[in-house]
Amino acid sequence: MTSTGPVRHEVLTWADVDKLVDVLVPQIQSVAHFDAMIMVTRGGIIPGGLLAEALDIRDVLTAAVYFPEETDSTKLLALPKFLQFPSDVLLADRRVLIVDDVWGSGRTSTAVRGRVEAAGGEAATCVFHFNPYRSLFTRVEPDFYGAVTDAFIVYPWEMARGLHNIELGGR
């Protein structure tokens, strides 16, 4: 895949994040009550914490997923490595909300969903931002998302690390 120009960046404030939570909570509450949440590390930790509080989900778990770097022609075929994942007993016969910050390629959320379903749980995916333009899946998208974007999102909790290699002039 070749780039046709610079990637657009969107820098969010905490007020923007609050609005995303306000968009997501009614969507989620209108569908189901979830017994547990899996926050995908690292991106899903803060969104998951905010949503767990707003939705009163007390059983909060984490999953760490890694896709090995391979050559450009094979990296999308790489199988995920689960560095950390809840045991099947914590997922079986439960409704589980999977939270991450962004659905880019979609590989991480779909891999976690597959593991939850294999354990006997019912899974739904949730992200703050859905980028359908980068998704590898044409018929699958997050069950819940706060916004659709084509930009690289910079969240307020990432600002302390600085905006390394990001040019904001062309926004």
C-alpha atoms as a PDB file:
ATOM      1  CA  MET A   1       0.000   0.000   0.000  1.00  0.00           C
ATOM      2  CA  THR A   2       1.512   3.319  -0.981  1.00  0.00           C
ATOM      3  CA  SER A   3       0.783   6.660   0.592  1.00  0.00           C
ATOM      4  CA  THR A   4      -0.782   9.346  -1.578  1.00  0.00           C
ATOM      5  CA  GLY A   5       0.345  12.149   0.721  1.00  0.00           C
ATOM      6  CA  PRO A   6       0.841  13.109   4.326  1.00  0.00           C
ATOM      7  CA  VAL A   7      -1.357  11.446   6.914  1.00  0.00           C
ATOM      8  CA  ARG A   8      -3.836  13.822   8.519  1.00  0.00           C
ATOM      9  CA  HIS A   9      -3.541  14.061  12.300  1.00  0.00           C
ATOM     10  CA  GLU A  10      -6.262  14.974  14.750  1.00  0.00           C
ATOM     11  CA  VAL A  11      -5.250  16.062  18.251  1.00  0.00           C
ATOM     12  CA  LEU A  12      -8.032  15.549  20.798  1.00  0.00           C
ATOM     13  CA  THR A  13      -8.711  17.299  24.088  1.00  0.00           C
ATOM     14  CA  TRP A  14     -10.184  15.743  27.217  1.00  0.00           C
ATOM     15  CA  ALA A  15     -13.465  17.482  26.296  1.00  0.00           C
ATOM     16  CA  ASP A  16     -13.394  15.621  22.960  1.00  0.00           C
ATOM     17  CA  VAL A  17     -12.882  12.347  24.845  1.00  0.00           C
ATOM     18  CA  ASP A  18     -15.831  13.144  27.137  1.00  0.00           C
ATOM     19  CA  LYS A  19     -18.002  13.632  24.038  1.00  0.00           C
ATOM     20  CA  LEU A  20     -16.929  10.237  22.680  1.00  0.00           C
ATOM     21  CA  VAL A  21     -17.901   8.587  25.969  1.00  0.00           C
ATOM     22  CA  ASP A  22     -21.238  10.440  25.855  1.00  0.00           C
ATOM     23  CA  VAL A  23     -21.838   9.095  22.325  1.00  0.00           C
ATOM     24  CA  LEU A  24     -20.877   5.515  23.209  1.00  0.00           C
ATOM     25  CA  VAL A  25     -22.667   4.995  26.535  1.00  0.00           C
ATOM     26  CA  PRO A  26     -26.252   5.241  25.199  1.00  0.00           C
ATOM     27  CA  GLN A  27     -25.370   3.047  22.199  1.00  0.00           C
ATOM     28  CA  ILE A  28     -24.011   0.339  24.463  1.00  0.00           C
ATOM     29  CA  GLN A  29     -26.762   0.617  27.078  1.00  0.00           C
ATOM     30  CA  SER A  30     -29.464   0.331  24.412  1.00  0.00           C
ATOM     31  CA  VAL A  31     -28.143  -3.059  23.311  1.00  0.00           C
ATOM     32  CA  ALA A  32     -27.122  -4.969  26.409  1.00  0.00           C
ATOM     33  CA  HIS A  33     -25.654  -5.069  29.866  1.00  0.00           C
ATOM     34  CA  PHE A  34     -22.151  -6.496  29.827  1.00  0.00           C
ATOM     35  CA  ASP A  35     -20.867  -8.825  32.529  1.00  0.00           C
ATOM     36  CA  ALA A  36     -17.226  -8.014  31.890  1.00  0.00           C
ATOM     37  CA  MET A  37     -14.909  -5.829  29.877  1.00  0.00           C
ATOM     38  CA  ILE A  38     -11.609  -6.635  28.214  1.00  0.00           C
ATOM     39  CA  MET A  39      -9.392  -3.613  27.711  1.00  0.00           C
ATOM     40  CA  VAL A  40      -6.858  -4.179  24.934  1.00  0.00           C
ATOM     41  CA  THR A  41      -3.457  -2.945  26.052  1.00  0.00           C
ATOM     42  CA  ARG A  42      -2.196  -0.327  25.712  1.00  0.00           C
ATOM     43  CA  GLY A  43      -4.616   1.753  23.656  1.00  0.00           C
ATOM     44  CA  GLY A  44      -7.770   0.490  25.330  1.00  0.00           C
ATOM     45  CA  ILE A  45      -6.721   1.096  28.932  1.00  0.00           C
ATOM     46  CA  ILE A  46      -7.945   4.683  29.304  1.00  0.00           C
ATOM     47  CA  PRO A  47     -11.032   4.365  27.058  1.00  0.00           C
ATOM     48  CA  GLY A  48     -11.892   1.123  28.876  1.00  0.00           C
ATOM     49  CA  GLY A  49     -11.517   2.707  32.289  1.00  0.00           C
ATOM     50  CA  LEU A  50     -13.768   5.610  31.342  1.00  0.00           C
ATOM     51  CA  LEU A  51     -16.407   3.304  29.868  1.00  0.00           C
ATOM     52  CA  ALA A  52     -16.225   0.802  32.749  1.00  0.00           C
ATOM     53  CA  GLU A  53     -16.993   3.623  35.169  1.00  0.00           C
ATOM     54  CA  ALA A  54     -19.791   5.090  33.027  1.00  0.00           C
ATOM     55  CA  LEU A  55     -21.382   1.663  32.387  1.00  0.00           C
ATOM     56  CA  ASP A  56     -20.774   0.339  35.923  1.00  0.00           C
ATOM     57  CA  ILE A  57     -18.847  -2.681  34.636  1.00  0.00           C
ATOM     58  CA  ARG A  58     -16.875  -3.986  37.595  1.00  0.00           C
ATOM     59  CA  ASP A  59     -15.233  -7.080  36.115  1.00  0.00           C
ATOM     60  CA  VAL A  60     -12.456  -5.456  34.067  1.00  0.00           C
ATOM     61  CA  LEU A  61      -9.834  -7.641  32.386  1.00  0.00           C
ATOM     62  CA  THR A  62      -6.931  -6.989  30.022  1.00  0.00           C
ATOM     63  CA  ALA A  63      -5.607  -8.567  26.856  1.00  0.00           C
ATOM     64  CA  ALA A  64      -2.206  -7.905  25.332  1.00  0.00           C
ATOM     65  CA  VAL A  65      -2.006  -8.785  21.645  1.00  0.00           C
ATOM     66  CA  TYR A  66       1.084  -8.602  19.473  1.00  0.00           C
ATOM     67  CA  PHE A  67       1.342  -9.013  15.724  1.00  0.00           C
ATOM     68  CA  PRO A  68       4.920  -9.919  14.760  1.00  0.00           C
ATOM     69  CA  GLU A  69       6.636  -7.665  12.262  1.00  0.00           C
ATOM     70  CA  GLU A  70       7.260  -9.471   9.022  1.00  0.00           C
ATOM     71  CA  THR A  71       8.003  -8.420   5.475  1.00  0.00           C
ATOM     72  CA  ASP A  72       5.589  -6.045   3.770  1.00  0.00           C
ATOM     73  CA  SER A  73       4.139  -8.864   1.678  1.00  0.00           C
ATOM     74  CA  THR A  74       3.436 -11.180   4.638  1.00  0.00           C
ATOM     75  CA  LYS A  75       2.846  -8.949   7.677  1.00  0.00           C
ATOM     76  CA  LEU A  76      -0.934  -8.867   7.228  1.00  0.00           C
ATOM     77  CA  LEU A  77      -0.972 -12.656   7.303  1.00  0.00           C
ATOM     78  CA  ALA A  78       0.831 -12.862  10.659  1.00  0.00           C
ATOM     79  CA  LEU A  79      -1.073 -14.631  13.402  1.00  0.00           C
ATOM     80  CA  PRO A  80      -1.512 -12.728  16.660  1.00  0.00           C
ATOM     81  CA  LYS A  81       0.471 -13.602  19.741  1.00  0.00           C
ATOM     82  CA  PHE A  82      -1.499 -13.214  22.937  1.00  0.00           C
ATOM     83  CA  LEU A  83       0.982 -12.011  25.528  1.00  0.00           C
ATOM     84  CA  GLN A  84      -1.743 -11.820  28.160  1.00  0.00           C
ATOM     85  CA  PHE A  85      -5.353 -13.000  28.037  1.00  0.00           C
ATOM     86  CA  PRO A  86      -8.060 -13.802  30.607  1.00  0.00           C
ATOM     87  CA  SER A  87      -8.678 -17.465  31.348  1.00  0.00           C
ATOM     88  CA  ASP A  88     -11.635 -19.156  29.681  1.00  0.00           C
ATOM     89  CA  VAL A  89     -13.454 -19.520  33.014  1.00  0.00           C
ATOM     90  CA  LEU A  90     -13.664 -15.707  33.268  1.00  0.00           C
ATOM     91  CA  LEU A  91     -15.294 -15.466  29.819  1.00  0.00           C
ATOM     92  CA  ALA A  92     -17.543 -18.516  29.425  1.00  0.00           C
ATOM     93  CA  ASP A  93     -21.279 -17.773  29.376  1.00  0.00           C
ATOM     94  CA  ARG A  94     -20.681 -14.051  29.827  1.00  0.00           C
ATOM     95  CA  ARG A  95     -21.321 -10.948  27.743  1.00  0.00           C
ATOM     96  CA  VAL A  96     -17.942  -9.296  27.235  1.00  0.00           C
ATOM     97  CA  LEU A  97     -17.310  -5.787  25.909  1.00  0.00           C
ATOM     98  CA  ILE A  98     -13.918  -5.530  24.179  1.00  0.00           C
ATOM     99  CA  VAL A  99     -12.521  -1.971  24.252  1.00  0.00           C
ATOM    100  CA  ASP A 100      -9.651  -0.443  22.286  1.00  0.00           C
ATOM    101  CA  ASP A 101      -8.911   3.123  21.235  1.00  0.00           C
ATOM    102  CA  VAL A 102      -8.904   2.765  17.436  1.00  0.00           C
ATOM    103  CA  TRP A 103     -10.031   0.199  14.874  1.00  0.00           C
ATOM    104  CA  GLY A 104      -7.412   0.619  12.163  1.00  0.00           C
ATOM    105  CA  SER A 105      -6.784  -2.662  10.395  1.00  0.00           C
ATOM    106  CA  GLY A 106      -9.272  -4.386  12.721  1.00  0.00           C
ATOM    107  CA  ARG A 107      -6.932  -7.309  13.359  1.00  0.00           C
ATOM    108  CA  THR A 108      -6.591  -6.780  17.107  1.00  0.00           C
ATOM    109  CA  SER A 109     -10.294  -6.422  17.916  1.00  0.00           C
ATOM    110  CA  THR A 110     -11.278  -9.367  15.745  1.00  0.00           C
ATOM    111  CA  ALA A 111      -8.536 -11.560  17.238  1.00  0.00           C
ATOM    112  CA  VAL A 112      -9.701 -10.763  20.784  1.00  0.00           C
ATOM    113  CA  ARG A 113     -13.340 -11.354  19.794  1.00  0.00           C
ATOM    114  CA  GLY A 114     -12.380 -14.751  18.393  1.00  0.00           C
ATOM    115  CA  ARG A 115     -10.655 -15.755  21.632  1.00  0.00           C
ATOM    116  CA  VAL A 116     -13.649 -14.666  23.738  1.00  0.00           C
ATOM    117  CA  GLU A 117     -16.068 -16.595  21.533  1.00  0.00           C
ATOM    118  CA  ALA A 118     -13.808 -19.664  21.563  1.00  0.00           C
ATOM    119  CA  ALA A 119     -13.956 -19.518  25.371  1.00  0.00           C
ATOM    120  CA  GLY A 120     -17.767 -19.578  25.247  1.00  0.00           C
ATOM    121  CA  GLY A 121     -18.385 -15.880  25.791  1.00  0.00           C
ATOM    122  CA  GLU A 122     -20.539 -13.481  23.806  1.00  0.00           C
ATOM    123  CA  ALA A 123     -18.357 -10.619  22.573  1.00  0.00           C
ATOM    124  CA  ALA A 124     -18.944  -7.100  21.300  1.00  0.00           C
ATOM    125  CA  THR A 125     -16.238  -4.706  20.153  1.00  0.00           C
ATOM    126  CA  CYS A 126     -16.033  -1.019  21.014  1.00  0.00           C
ATOM    127  CA  VAL A 127     -13.577   1.691  19.960  1.00  0.00           C
ATOM    128  CA  PHE A 128     -13.416   5.436  20.233  1.00  0.00           C
ATOM    129  CA  HIS A 129     -12.472   5.767  16.534  1.00  0.00           C
ATOM    130  CA  PHE A 130     -13.258   3.568  13.541  1.00  0.00           C
ATOM    131  CA  ASN A 131     -11.131   4.006  10.410  1.00  0.00           C
ATOM    132  CA  PRO A 132     -12.980   2.095   7.666  1.00  0.00           C
ATOM    133  CA  TYR A 133     -10.400   3.232   5.141  1.00  0.00           C
ATOM    134  CA  ARG A 134      -7.648   1.169   6.824  1.00  0.00           C
ATOM    135  CA  SER A 135      -9.771  -1.799   7.876  1.00  0.00           C
ATOM    136  CA  LEU A 136      -8.842  -5.143   6.378  1.00  0.00           C
ATOM    137  CA  PHE A 137     -12.426  -6.315   6.804  1.00  0.00           C
ATOM    138  CA  THR A 138     -15.113  -5.233   4.371  1.00  0.00           C
ATOM    139  CA  ARG A 139     -18.016  -6.915   6.152  1.00  0.00           C
ATOM    140  CA  VAL A 140     -16.905  -6.502   9.760  1.00  0.00           C
ATOM    141  CA  GLU A 141     -16.748  -3.327  11.806  1.00  0.00           C
ATOM    142  CA  PRO A 142     -16.817  -2.495  15.504  1.00  0.00           C
ATOM    143  CA  ASP A 143     -20.149  -3.074  17.217  1.00  0.00           C
ATOM    144  CA  PHE A 144     -19.820   0.356  18.861  1.00  0.00           C
ATOM    145  CA  TYR A 145     -17.722   3.354  17.880  1.00  0.00           C
ATOM    146  CA  GLY A 146     -17.698   6.990  18.857  1.00  0.00           C
ATOM    147  CA  ALA A 147     -16.562   8.472  15.535  1.00  0.00           C
ATOM    148  CA  VAL A 148     -15.459   7.574  12.023  1.00  0.00           C
ATOM    149  CA  THR A 149     -12.127   8.990  10.892  1.00  0.00           C
ATOM    150  CA  ASP A 150      -9.417   8.781   8.278  1.00  0.00           C
ATOM    151  CA  ALA A 151      -6.923  10.601  10.515  1.00  0.00           C
ATOM    152  CA  PHE A 152      -4.183   9.474  12.856  1.00  0.00           C
ATOM    153  CA  ILE A 153      -5.674  10.266  16.273  1.00  0.00           C
ATOM    154  CA  VAL A 154      -3.570  11.751  19.062  1.00  0.00           C
ATOM    155  CA  TYR A 155      -5.356  11.365  22.410  1.00  0.00           C
ATOM    156  CA  PRO A 156      -4.761  13.773  25.313  1.00  0.00           C
ATOM    157  CA  TRP A 157      -3.011  11.100  27.376  1.00  0.00           C
ATOM    158  CA  GLU A 158      -0.469  10.748  24.569  1.00  0.00           C
ATOM    159  CA  MET A 159       0.458  14.439  24.633  1.00  0.00           C
ATOM    160  CA  ALA A 160       2.891  14.037  27.555  1.00  0.00           C
ATOM    161  CA  ARG A 161       5.077  11.947  25.246  1.00  0.00           C
ATOM    162  CA  GLY A 162       5.186  14.811  22.776  1.00  0.00           C
ATOM    163  CA  LEU A 163       4.220  14.950  19.144  1.00  0.00           C
ATOM    164  CA  HIS A 164       7.284  13.225  17.783  1.00  0.00           C
ATOM    165  CA  ASN A 165       7.457  13.267  13.994  1.00  0.00           C
ATOM    166  CA  ILE A 166       3.993  14.775  13.650  1.00  0.00           C
ATOM    167  CA  GLU A 167       3.478  17.810  11.468  1.00  0.00           C
ATOM    168  CA  LEU A 168       0.289  19.585  12.399  1.00  0.00           C
ATOM    169  CA  GLY A 169       0.543  22.409   9.860  1.00  0.00           C
ATOM    170  CA  GLY A 170      -1.733  20.885   7.182  1.00  0.00           C
ATOM    171  CA  ARG A 171      -4.733  20.082   9.329  1.00  0.00           C
END
